[in-house]
Amino acid sequence: MSLPLPDRVFQLAYDPGISPKGGGLPGLSVLKNVVNSINMFGITAVVGALAVSLGVWAWGHHTGGHQAEANGKKGAVVAAGAALGLGAANGIVAFFSGLGSQVH
């Protein structure tokens, strides 16, 4: 038995029947490799930024350059935060995706 159009639209608003599906599009494995490579590039850049920031911090401390010392500290904190974000990106997205799938 077919439902009238307003009832079908009302039902569709509650359950559209859409869910994430792996392998639905061609090139998904290539996209995953690209994103993994971008993440690795970001982590490598953060390691370099942290090393430079720590060097600036040490140089500013030993030469009495308070501005350089402060900038080195800020750079080290920003680099550490970026490393945390890059490392936790997959878990953060998985957490909120799981949280979003519980909304009804």
Protein backbone atom coordinates (compact mmCIF):
# COMPACT_ATOMS: atom_id res chain seq x y z
CA MET A 1 0.00 0.00 0.00
CA SER A 2 1.44 3.33 -1.06
CA LEU A 3 1.51 6.27 1.32
CA PRO A 4 0.15 9.65 0.22
CA LEU A 5 2.79 12.19 -0.83
CA PRO A 6 2.69 14.35 2.37
CA ASP A 7 3.16 11.23 4.52
CA ARG A 8 6.13 10.08 2.40
CA VAL A 9 7.78 13.52 2.66
CA PHE A 10 7.17 13.53 6.42
CA GLN A 11 8.73 10.04 6.74
CA LEU A 12 11.69 11.07 4.58
CA ALA A 13 12.37 14.04 6.84
CA TYR A 14 12.93 11.66 9.76
CA ASP A 15 14.82 8.85 8.03
CA PRO A 16 16.33 9.62 4.64
CA GLY A 17 18.17 6.27 4.66
CA ILE A 18 21.61 7.76 3.99
CA SER A 19 24.71 6.41 5.72
CA PRO A 20 28.45 6.53 4.97
CA LYS A 21 29.63 3.71 2.74
CA GLY A 22 33.20 2.85 1.90
CA GLY A 23 33.98 2.02 -1.70
CA GLY A 24 30.99 3.90 -3.08
CA LEU A 25 33.07 6.18 -5.29
CA PRO A 26 36.03 5.37 -7.50
CA GLY A 27 39.31 6.80 -6.29
CA LEU A 28 38.53 6.62 -2.59
CA SER A 29 41.77 4.77 -1.87
CA VAL A 30 43.71 7.43 -3.79
CA LEU A 31 42.01 10.18 -1.78
CA LYS A 32 42.91 8.40 1.47
CA ASN A 33 46.55 8.18 0.35
CA VAL A 34 46.58 11.89 -0.53
CA VAL A 35 45.12 12.87 2.86
CA ASN A 36 47.58 10.58 4.67
CA SER A 37 50.44 12.19 2.75
CA ILE A 38 49.21 15.70 3.59
CA ASN A 39 48.98 14.71 7.27
CA MET A 40 52.52 13.30 7.18
CA PHE A 41 53.78 16.47 5.48
CA GLY A 42 52.11 18.55 8.20
CA ILE A 43 53.64 16.49 10.99
CA THR A 44 57.08 16.77 9.38
CA ALA A 45 56.67 20.55 9.08
CA VAL A 46 55.65 20.75 12.73
CA VAL A 47 58.81 18.89 13.77
CA GLY A 48 60.86 21.49 11.90
CA ALA A 49 58.88 24.37 13.38
CA LEU A 50 59.31 22.98 16.87
CA ALA A 51 63.07 22.61 16.39
CA VAL A 52 63.39 26.20 15.12
CA SER A 53 61.18 27.55 17.91
CA LEU A 54 63.17 25.76 20.59
CA GLY A 55 66.38 27.09 19.06
CA VAL A 56 65.02 30.65 19.07
CA TRP A 57 63.88 30.20 22.65
CA ALA A 58 67.33 29.00 23.74
CA TRP A 59 69.12 31.70 21.75
CA GLY A 60 66.89 34.43 23.21
CA HIS A 61 67.41 33.12 26.72
CA HIS A 62 71.20 32.97 26.48
CA THR A 63 71.61 36.34 24.75
CA GLY A 64 69.14 38.21 26.92
CA GLY A 65 66.77 38.81 24.02
CA HIS A 66 63.47 38.72 25.84
CA GLN A 67 61.43 39.24 22.67
CA ALA A 68 63.16 36.32 20.92
CA GLU A 69 62.71 34.18 24.01
CA ALA A 70 58.97 34.98 24.13
CA ASN A 71 58.59 34.29 20.41
CA GLY A 72 60.39 30.97 20.79
CA LYS A 73 58.04 29.98 23.61
CA LYS A 74 54.98 30.93 21.56
CA GLY A 75 56.29 29.01 18.57
CA ALA A 76 56.93 25.91 20.68
CA VAL A 77 53.41 26.01 22.13
CA VAL A 78 51.85 26.53 18.69
CA ALA A 79 53.91 23.68 17.22
CA ALA A 80 52.92 21.39 20.07
CA GLY A 81 49.25 22.28 19.56
CA ALA A 82 49.53 21.66 15.82
CA ALA A 83 51.13 18.27 16.47
CA LEU A 84 48.31 17.42 18.85
CA GLY A 85 45.71 18.43 16.30
CA LEU A 86 47.34 16.55 13.43
CA GLY A 87 47.83 13.42 15.49
CA ALA A 88 44.31 13.47 16.88
CA ALA A 89 42.51 14.49 13.67
CA ASN A 90 41.31 10.99 12.80
CA GLY A 91 40.09 10.33 16.34
CA ILE A 92 38.34 13.70 16.58
CA VAL A 93 36.49 13.16 13.32
CA ALA A 94 35.57 9.59 14.30
CA PHE A 95 34.31 10.79 17.70
CA PHE A 96 32.06 13.50 16.28
CA SER A 97 30.90 11.27 13.44
CA GLY A 98 29.85 8.66 15.97
CA LEU A 99 28.20 11.33 18.09
CA GLY A 100 26.35 12.66 15.06
CA SER A 101 25.11 9.22 14.08
CA GLN A 102 23.36 8.97 17.46
CA VAL A 103 21.15 12.00 16.72
CA HIS A 104 17.61 10.95 15.82
